[in-house]
Amino acid sequence: MDVDGTSERMAAYLRDNHDKVVGRWTDLVVAGVRGRTSREEVRRELEDLYALIVRVLSRADEHAAGELTAALDELSSGRARDGFT
């Protein structure tokens, strides 16, 4: 299995379909948070995560995976503080 090629193809797909994927992802998250977070805030958070995911998949730099982990940790902590389960 060509993992490098698969990651590069996935990164290319995500770059090419950015608006469609982030838009749908935003719709799904907004439906799940039921008004406890604004659509704009959700979109901003997902845009940040999306950019990091693309960086990880494209192997743009060696720090991307750590930054993605840190961003997810921060998002999770923030949601927990806001009372999400």
PDB file of N, CA and C in Angstrom:
ATOM      1  N   MET A   1       0.846  -1.184   0.000  1.00  0.00           N
ATOM      2  CA  MET A   1       0.000   0.000   0.000  1.00  0.00           C
ATOM      3  C   MET A   1       0.886   1.241   0.000  1.00  0.00           C
ATOM      4  N   ASP A   2       0.588   2.169  -0.865  1.00  0.00           N
ATOM      5  CA  ASP A   2       1.358   3.397  -1.005  1.00  0.00           C
ATOM      6  C   ASP A   2       0.785   4.469  -0.078  1.00  0.00           C
ATOM      7  N   VAL A   3       1.241   4.451   1.176  1.00  0.00           N
ATOM      8  CA  VAL A   3       0.714   5.377   2.182  1.00  0.00           C
ATOM      9  C   VAL A   3       1.037   6.823   1.824  1.00  0.00           C
ATOM     10  N   ASP A   4       2.257   7.077   1.370  1.00  0.00           N
ATOM     11  CA  ASP A   4       2.628   8.450   1.000  1.00  0.00           C
ATOM     12  C   ASP A   4       1.742   8.976  -0.123  1.00  0.00           C
ATOM     13  N   GLY A   5       1.533   8.145  -1.133  1.00  0.00           N
ATOM     14  CA  GLY A   5       0.687   8.560  -2.255  1.00  0.00           C
ATOM     15  C   GLY A   5      -0.748   8.772  -1.841  1.00  0.00           C
ATOM     16  N   THR A   6      -1.239   7.915  -0.967  1.00  0.00           N
ATOM     17  CA  THR A   6      -2.611   8.041  -0.478  1.00  0.00           C
ATOM     18  C   THR A   6      -2.778   9.327   0.322  1.00  0.00           C
ATOM     19  N   SER A   7      -1.827   9.629   1.194  1.00  0.00           N
ATOM     20  CA  SER A   7      -1.882  10.861   1.988  1.00  0.00           C
ATOM     21  C   SER A   7      -1.839  12.086   1.098  1.00  0.00           C
ATOM     22  N   GLU A   8      -0.977  12.048   0.091  1.00  0.00           N
ATOM     23  CA  GLU A   8      -0.872  13.191  -0.827  1.00  0.00           C
ATOM     24  C   GLU A   8      -2.164  13.369  -1.622  1.00  0.00           C
ATOM     25  N   ARG A   9      -2.757  12.261  -2.061  1.00  0.00           N
ATOM     26  CA  ARG A   9      -4.026  12.359  -2.800  1.00  0.00           C
ATOM     27  C   ARG A   9      -5.139  12.900  -1.906  1.00  0.00           C
ATOM     28  N   MET A  10      -5.170  12.446  -0.662  1.00  0.00           N
ATOM     29  CA  MET A  10      -6.192  12.934   0.266  1.00  0.00           C
ATOM     30  C   MET A  10      -5.988  14.429   0.533  1.00  0.00           C
ATOM     31  N   ALA A  11      -4.752  14.847   0.728  1.00  0.00           N
ATOM     32  CA  ALA A  11      -4.469  16.268   0.946  1.00  0.00           C
ATOM     33  C   ALA A  11      -4.913  17.086  -0.269  1.00  0.00           C
ATOM     34  N   ALA A  12      -4.633  16.587  -1.460  1.00  0.00           N
ATOM     35  CA  ALA A  12      -5.037  17.292  -2.684  1.00  0.00           C
ATOM     36  C   ALA A  12      -6.557  17.376  -2.776  1.00  0.00           C
ATOM     37  N   TYR A  13      -7.238  16.278  -2.455  1.00  0.00           N
ATOM     38  CA  TYR A  13      -8.702  16.273  -2.474  1.00  0.00           C
ATOM     39  C   TYR A  13      -9.242  17.317  -1.497  1.00  0.00           C
ATOM     40  N   LEU A  14      -8.696  17.335  -0.289  1.00  0.00           N
ATOM     41  CA  LEU A  14      -9.166  18.290   0.719  1.00  0.00           C
ATOM     42  C   LEU A  14      -8.905  19.730   0.295  1.00  0.00           C
ATOM     43  N   ARG A  15      -7.750  19.990  -0.308  1.00  0.00           N
ATOM     44  CA  ARG A  15      -7.479  21.350  -0.806  1.00  0.00           C
ATOM     45  C   ARG A  15      -8.471  21.732  -1.902  1.00  0.00           C
ATOM     46  N   ASP A  16      -8.733  20.802  -2.816  1.00  0.00           N
ATOM     47  CA  ASP A  16      -9.617  21.080  -3.955  1.00  0.00           C
ATOM     48  C   ASP A  16     -11.083  21.237  -3.544  1.00  0.00           C
ATOM     49  N   ASN A  17     -11.468  20.612  -2.442  1.00  0.00           N
ATOM     50  CA  ASN A  17     -12.869  20.609  -2.021  1.00  0.00           C
ATOM     51  C   ASN A  17     -13.074  21.304  -0.683  1.00  0.00           C
ATOM     52  N   HIS A  18     -12.215  22.231  -0.377  1.00  0.00           N
ATOM     53  CA  HIS A  18     -12.209  22.919   0.914  1.00  0.00           C
ATOM     54  C   HIS A  18     -13.588  23.428   1.314  1.00  0.00           C
ATOM     55  N   ASP A  19     -14.179  24.264   0.479  1.00  0.00           N
ATOM     56  CA  ASP A  19     -15.449  24.898   0.843  1.00  0.00           C
ATOM     57  C   ASP A  19     -16.559  23.873   1.058  1.00  0.00           C
ATOM     58  N   LYS A  20     -16.631  22.882   0.191  1.00  0.00           N
ATOM     59  CA  LYS A  20     -17.664  21.858   0.290  1.00  0.00           C
ATOM     60  C   LYS A  20     -17.504  21.045   1.582  1.00  0.00           C
ATOM     61  N   VAL A  21     -16.289  20.599   1.862  1.00  0.00           N
ATOM     62  CA  VAL A  21     -16.063  19.760   3.043  1.00  0.00           C
ATOM     63  C   VAL A  21     -16.245  20.556   4.331  1.00  0.00           C
ATOM     64  N   VAL A  22     -15.642  21.729   4.403  1.00  0.00           N
ATOM     65  CA  VAL A  22     -15.768  22.538   5.626  1.00  0.00           C
ATOM     66  C   VAL A  22     -17.219  22.986   5.826  1.00  0.00           C
ATOM     67  N   GLY A  23     -17.893  23.298   4.747  1.00  0.00           N
ATOM     68  CA  GLY A  23     -19.304  23.690   4.865  1.00  0.00           C
ATOM     69  C   GLY A  23     -20.162  22.584   5.436  1.00  0.00           C
ATOM     70  N   ARG A  24     -20.001  21.377   4.915  1.00  0.00           N
ATOM     71  CA  ARG A  24     -20.788  20.243   5.413  1.00  0.00           C
ATOM     72  C   ARG A  24     -20.394  19.893   6.841  1.00  0.00           C
ATOM     73  N   TRP A  25     -19.090  19.914   7.118  1.00  0.00           N
ATOM     74  CA  TRP A  25     -18.595  19.625   8.471  1.00  0.00           C
ATOM     75  C   TRP A  25     -19.184  20.630   9.454  1.00  0.00           C
ATOM     76  N   THR A  26     -19.211  21.902   9.053  1.00  0.00           N
ATOM     77  CA  THR A  26     -19.780  22.957   9.900  1.00  0.00           C
ATOM     78  C   THR A  26     -21.256  22.682  10.165  1.00  0.00           C
ATOM     79  N   ASP A  27     -21.998  22.326   9.122  1.00  0.00           N
ATOM     80  CA  ASP A  27     -23.420  22.021   9.284  1.00  0.00           C
ATOM     81  C   ASP A  27     -23.631  20.910  10.322  1.00  0.00           C
ATOM     82  N   LEU A  28     -22.822  19.858  10.222  1.00  0.00           N
ATOM     83  CA  LEU A  28     -22.960  18.727  11.138  1.00  0.00           C
ATOM     84  C   LEU A  28     -22.645  19.117  12.583  1.00  0.00           C
ATOM     85  N   VAL A  29     -21.583  19.895  12.774  1.00  0.00           N
ATOM     86  CA  VAL A  29     -21.201  20.289  14.132  1.00  0.00           C
ATOM     87  C   VAL A  29     -22.238  21.251  14.706  1.00  0.00           C
ATOM     88  N   VAL A  30     -22.682  22.218  13.919  1.00  0.00           N
ATOM     89  CA  VAL A  30     -23.671  23.189  14.401  1.00  0.00           C
ATOM     90  C   VAL A  30     -24.948  22.469  14.827  1.00  0.00           C
ATOM     91  N   ALA A  31     -25.365  21.468  14.080  1.00  0.00           N
ATOM     92  CA  ALA A  31     -26.552  20.701  14.450  1.00  0.00           C
ATOM     93  C   ALA A  31     -26.329  19.977  15.783  1.00  0.00           C
ATOM     94  N   GLY A  32     -25.109  19.534  16.018  1.00  0.00           N
ATOM     95  CA  GLY A  32     -24.809  18.812  17.242  1.00  0.00           C
ATOM     96  C   GLY A  32     -24.681  19.683  18.473  1.00  0.00           C
ATOM     97  N   VAL A  33     -24.242  20.921  18.303  1.00  0.00           N
ATOM     98  CA  VAL A  33     -24.058  21.794  19.477  1.00  0.00           C
ATOM     99  C   VAL A  33     -25.337  22.537  19.847  1.00  0.00           C
ATOM    100  N   ARG A  34     -26.335  22.461  19.000  1.00  0.00           N
ATOM    101  CA  ARG A  34     -27.678  22.986  19.277  1.00  0.00           C
ATOM    102  C   ARG A  34     -27.689  24.410  19.831  1.00  0.00           C
ATOM    103  N   GLY A  35     -26.984  25.300  19.149  1.00  0.00           N
ATOM    104  CA  GLY A  35     -27.035  26.705  19.506  1.00  0.00           C
ATOM    105  C   GLY A  35     -26.137  27.138  20.643  1.00  0.00           C
ATOM    106  N   ARG A  36     -25.385  26.225  21.218  1.00  0.00           N
ATOM    107  CA  ARG A  36     -24.519  26.607  22.339  1.00  0.00           C
ATOM    108  C   ARG A  36     -23.212  27.249  21.873  1.00  0.00           C
ATOM    109  N   THR A  37     -22.947  27.192  20.588  1.00  0.00           N
ATOM    110  CA  THR A  37     -21.780  27.836  19.992  1.00  0.00           C
ATOM    111  C   THR A  37     -22.233  28.422  18.666  1.00  0.00           C
ATOM    112  N   SER A  38     -21.748  29.613  18.339  1.00  0.00           N
ATOM    113  CA  SER A  38     -22.189  30.257  17.100  1.00  0.00           C
ATOM    114  C   SER A  38     -21.623  29.538  15.873  1.00  0.00           C
ATOM    115  N   ARG A  39     -22.350  29.634  14.793  1.00  0.00           N
ATOM    116  CA  ARG A  39     -21.912  29.047  13.520  1.00  0.00           C
ATOM    117  C   ARG A  39     -20.550  29.603  13.113  1.00  0.00           C
ATOM    118  N   GLU A  40     -20.356  30.900  13.319  1.00  0.00           N
ATOM    119  CA  GLU A  40     -19.094  31.531  12.943  1.00  0.00           C
ATOM    120  C   GLU A  40     -17.931  30.969  13.753  1.00  0.00           C
ATOM    121  N   GLU A  41     -18.149  30.755  15.048  1.00  0.00           N
ATOM    122  CA  GLU A  41     -17.097  30.194  15.889  1.00  0.00           C
ATOM    123  C   GLU A  41     -16.779  28.760  15.474  1.00  0.00           C
ATOM    124  N   VAL A  42     -17.825  27.980  15.217  1.00  0.00           N
ATOM    125  CA  VAL A  42     -17.617  26.605  14.771  1.00  0.00           C
ATOM    126  C   VAL A  42     -16.837  26.605  13.460  1.00  0.00           C
ATOM    127  N   ARG A  43     -17.227  27.431  12.522  1.00  0.00           N
ATOM    128  CA  ARG A  43     -16.555  27.500  11.209  1.00  0.00           C
ATOM    129  C   ARG A  43     -15.079  27.862  11.387  1.00  0.00           C
ATOM    130  N   ARG A  44     -14.793  28.831  12.246  1.00  0.00           N
ATOM    131  CA  ARG A  44     -13.403  29.241  12.474  1.00  0.00           C
ATOM    132  C   ARG A  44     -12.586  28.093  13.058  1.00  0.00           C
ATOM    133  N   GLU A  45     -13.147  27.424  14.045  1.00  0.00           N
ATOM    134  CA  GLU A  45     -12.445  26.289  14.662  1.00  0.00           C
ATOM    135  C   GLU A  45     -12.181  25.185  13.635  1.00  0.00           C
ATOM    136  N   LEU A  46     -13.197  24.897  12.828  1.00  0.00           N
ATOM    137  CA  LEU A  46     -13.036  23.839  11.837  1.00  0.00           C
ATOM    138  C   LEU A  46     -12.069  24.237  10.734  1.00  0.00           C
ATOM    139  N   GLU A  47     -12.056  25.495  10.359  1.00  0.00           N
ATOM    140  CA  GLU A  47     -11.086  25.979   9.367  1.00  0.00           C
ATOM    141  C   GLU A  47      -9.661  25.747   9.875  1.00  0.00           C
ATOM    142  N   ASP A  48      -9.436  26.055  11.152  1.00  0.00           N
ATOM    143  CA  ASP A  48      -8.107  25.851  11.742  1.00  0.00           C
ATOM    144  C   ASP A  48      -7.732  24.374  11.744  1.00  0.00           C
ATOM    145  N   LEU A  49      -8.657  23.525  12.188  1.00  0.00           N
ATOM    146  CA  LEU A  49      -8.395  22.083  12.200  1.00  0.00           C
ATOM    147  C   LEU A  49      -8.167  21.549  10.790  1.00  0.00           C
ATOM    148  N   TYR A  50      -8.972  22.001   9.864  1.00  0.00           N
ATOM    149  CA  TYR A  50      -8.876  21.548   8.474  1.00  0.00           C
ATOM    150  C   TYR A  50      -7.500  21.865   7.900  1.00  0.00           C
ATOM    151  N   ALA A  51      -7.040  23.083   8.135  1.00  0.00           N
ATOM    152  CA  ALA A  51      -5.718  23.476   7.633  1.00  0.00           C
ATOM    153  C   ALA A  51      -4.626  22.583   8.223  1.00  0.00           C
ATOM    154  N   LEU A  52      -4.751  22.272   9.490  1.00  0.00           N
ATOM    155  CA  LEU A  52      -3.764  21.392  10.134  1.00  0.00           C
ATOM    156  C   LEU A  52      -3.846  19.974   9.574  1.00  0.00           C
ATOM    157  N   ILE A  53      -5.034  19.477   9.338  1.00  0.00           N
ATOM    158  CA  ILE A  53      -5.191  18.138   8.766  1.00  0.00           C
ATOM    159  C   ILE A  53      -4.545  18.074   7.387  1.00  0.00           C
ATOM    160  N   VAL A  54      -4.765  19.088   6.575  1.00  0.00           N
ATOM    161  CA  VAL A  54      -4.150  19.126   5.245  1.00  0.00           C
ATOM    162  C   VAL A  54      -2.632  19.164   5.372  1.00  0.00           C
ATOM    163  N   ARG A  55      -2.123  19.950   6.305  1.00  0.00           N
ATOM    164  CA  ARG A  55      -0.666  20.002   6.517  1.00  0.00           C
ATOM    165  C   ARG A  55      -0.110  18.649   6.918  1.00  0.00           C
ATOM    166  N   VAL A  56      -0.823  17.950   7.807  1.00  0.00           N
ATOM    167  CA  VAL A  56      -0.363  16.623   8.237  1.00  0.00           C
ATOM    168  C   VAL A  56      -0.357  15.666   7.048  1.00  0.00           C
ATOM    169  N   LEU A  57      -1.440  15.631   6.304  1.00  0.00           N
ATOM    170  CA  LEU A  57      -1.541  14.700   5.182  1.00  0.00           C
ATOM    171  C   LEU A  57      -0.537  14.998   4.073  1.00  0.00           C
ATOM    172  N   SER A  58      -0.252  16.273   3.860  1.00  0.00           N
ATOM    173  CA  SER A  58       0.685  16.636   2.802  1.00  0.00           C
ATOM    174  C   SER A  58       2.127  16.606   3.278  1.00  0.00           C
ATOM    175  N   ARG A  59       2.295  16.307   4.560  1.00  0.00           N
ATOM    176  CA  ARG A  59       3.626  16.256   5.158  1.00  0.00           C
ATOM    177  C   ARG A  59       4.391  17.570   4.924  1.00  0.00           C
ATOM    178  N   ALA A  60       3.649  18.661   5.094  1.00  0.00           N
ATOM    179  CA  ALA A  60       4.185  19.992   4.829  1.00  0.00           C
ATOM    180  C   ALA A  60       5.321  20.358   5.782  1.00  0.00           C
ATOM    181  N   ASP A  61       5.188  19.920   7.009  1.00  0.00           N
ATOM    182  CA  ASP A  61       6.262  20.165   7.977  1.00  0.00           C
ATOM    183  C   ASP A  61       6.164  19.150   9.107  1.00  0.00           C
ATOM    184  N   GLU A  62       7.235  19.018   9.816  1.00  0.00           N
ATOM    185  CA  GLU A  62       7.310  17.991  10.866  1.00  0.00           C
ATOM    186  C   GLU A  62       6.551  18.355  12.133  1.00  0.00           C
ATOM    187  N   HIS A  63       6.108  19.593  12.239  1.00  0.00           N
ATOM    188  CA  HIS A  63       5.422  20.042  13.454  1.00  0.00           C
ATOM    189  C   HIS A  63       3.899  19.981  13.342  1.00  0.00           C
ATOM    190  N   ALA A  64       3.393  19.725  12.144  1.00  0.00           N
ATOM    191  CA  ALA A  64       1.953  19.785  11.908  1.00  0.00           C
ATOM    192  C   ALA A  64       1.172  18.801  12.782  1.00  0.00           C
ATOM    193  N   ALA A  65       1.660  17.581  12.919  1.00  0.00           N
ATOM    194  CA  ALA A  65       0.937  16.577  13.709  1.00  0.00           C
ATOM    195  C   ALA A  65       0.841  17.009  15.172  1.00  0.00           C
ATOM    196  N   GLY A  66       1.912  17.537  15.714  1.00  0.00           N
ATOM    197  CA  GLY A  66       1.888  18.019  17.093  1.00  0.00           C
ATOM    198  C   GLY A  66       0.959  19.206  17.260  1.00  0.00           C
ATOM    199  N   GLU A  67       0.945  20.090  16.273  1.00  0.00           N
ATOM    200  CA  GLU A  67       0.046  21.241  16.327  1.00  0.00           C
ATOM    201  C   GLU A  67      -1.415  20.801  16.245  1.00  0.00           C
ATOM    202  N   LEU A  68      -1.684  19.783  15.428  1.00  0.00           N
ATOM    203  CA  LEU A  68      -3.048  19.260  15.330  1.00  0.00           C
ATOM    204  C   LEU A  68      -3.479  18.656  16.659  1.00  0.00           C
ATOM    205  N   THR A  69      -2.609  17.875  17.265  1.00  0.00           N
ATOM    206  CA  THR A  69      -2.917  17.284  18.569  1.00  0.00           C
ATOM    207  C   THR A  69      -3.187  18.365  19.606  1.00  0.00           C
ATOM    208  N   ALA A  70      -2.362  19.396  19.629  1.00  0.00           N
ATOM    209  CA  ALA A  70      -2.541  20.494  20.581  1.00  0.00           C
ATOM    210  C   ALA A  70      -3.853  21.232  20.328  1.00  0.00           C
ATOM    211  N   ALA A  71      -4.190  21.456  19.060  1.00  0.00           N
ATOM    212  CA  ALA A  71      -5.432  22.145  18.732  1.00  0.00           C
ATOM    213  C   ALA A  71      -6.644  21.322  19.162  1.00  0.00           C
ATOM    214  N   LEU A  72      -6.591  20.018  18.961  1.00  0.00           N
ATOM    215  CA  LEU A  72      -7.687  19.151  19.387  1.00  0.00           C
ATOM    216  C   LEU A  72      -7.806  19.109  20.901  1.00  0.00           C
ATOM    217  N   ASP A  73      -6.664  19.078  21.590  1.00  0.00           N
ATOM    218  CA  ASP A  73      -6.680  19.120  23.056  1.00  0.00           C
ATOM    219  C   ASP A  73      -7.323  20.409  23.551  1.00  0.00           C
ATOM    220  N   GLU A  74      -6.939  21.524  22.942  1.00  0.00           N
ATOM    221  CA  GLU A  74      -7.479  22.823  23.341  1.00  0.00           C
ATOM    222  C   GLU A  74      -8.976  22.901  23.073  1.00  0.00           C
ATOM    223  N   LEU A  75      -9.409  22.426  21.919  1.00  0.00           N
ATOM    224  CA  LEU A  75     -10.828  22.425  21.578  1.00  0.00           C
ATOM    225  C   LEU A  75     -11.617  21.554  22.555  1.00  0.00           C
ATOM    226  N   SER A  76     -11.088  20.386  22.855  1.00  0.00           N
ATOM    227  CA  SER A  76     -11.747  19.481  23.786  1.00  0.00           C
ATOM    228  C   SER A  76     -11.854  20.088  25.180  1.00  0.00           C
ATOM    229  N   SER A  77     -10.786  20.688  25.645  1.00  0.00           N
ATOM    230  CA  SER A  77     -10.801  21.332  26.968  1.00  0.00           C
ATOM    231  C   SER A  77     -11.805  22.473  27.011  1.00  0.00           C
ATOM    232  N   GLY A  78     -11.819  23.264  25.951  1.00  0.00           N
ATOM    233  CA  GLY A  78     -12.759  24.380  25.889  1.00  0.00           C
ATOM    234  C   GLY A  78     -14.205  23.913  25.901  1.00  0.00           C
ATOM    235  N   ARG A  79     -14.481  22.860  25.158  1.00  0.00           N
ATOM    236  CA  ARG A  79     -15.835  22.311  25.135  1.00  0.00           C
ATOM    237  C   ARG A  79     -16.222  21.771  26.507  1.00  0.00           C
ATOM    238  N   ALA A  80     -15.298  21.108  27.154  1.00  0.00           N
ATOM    239  CA  ALA A  80     -15.577  20.570  28.507  1.00  0.00           C
ATOM    240  C   ALA A  80     -15.876  21.711  29.477  1.00  0.00           C
ATOM    241  N   ARG A  81     -15.103  22.806  29.410  1.00  0.00           N
ATOM    242  CA  ARG A  81     -15.352  23.968  30.279  1.00  0.00           C
ATOM    243  C   ARG A  81     -16.723  24.575  30.005  1.00  0.00           C
ATOM    244  N   ASP A  82     -17.170  24.485  28.742  1.00  0.00           N
ATOM    245  CA  ASP A  82     -18.463  25.040  28.361  1.00  0.00           C
ATOM    246  C   ASP A  82     -19.630  24.098  28.656  1.00  0.00           C
ATOM    247  N   GLY A  83     -19.324  22.949  29.264  1.00  0.00           N
ATOM    248  CA  GLY A  83     -20.379  22.038  29.669  1.00  0.00           C
ATOM    249  C   GLY A  83     -20.780  20.978  28.663  1.00  0.00           C
ATOM    250  N   PHE A  84     -20.021  20.865  27.571  1.00  0.00           N
ATOM    251  CA  PHE A  84     -20.322  19.814  26.603  1.00  0.00           C
ATOM    252  C   PHE A  84     -19.875  18.476  27.175  1.00  0.00           C
ATOM    253  N   THR A  85     -20.565  17.415  26.775  1.00  0.00           N
ATOM    254  CA  THR A  85     -20.177  16.088  27.218  1.00  0.00           C
ATOM    255  C   THR A  85     -19.481  15.345  26.114  1.00  0.00           C
TER     256      THR A  85
END
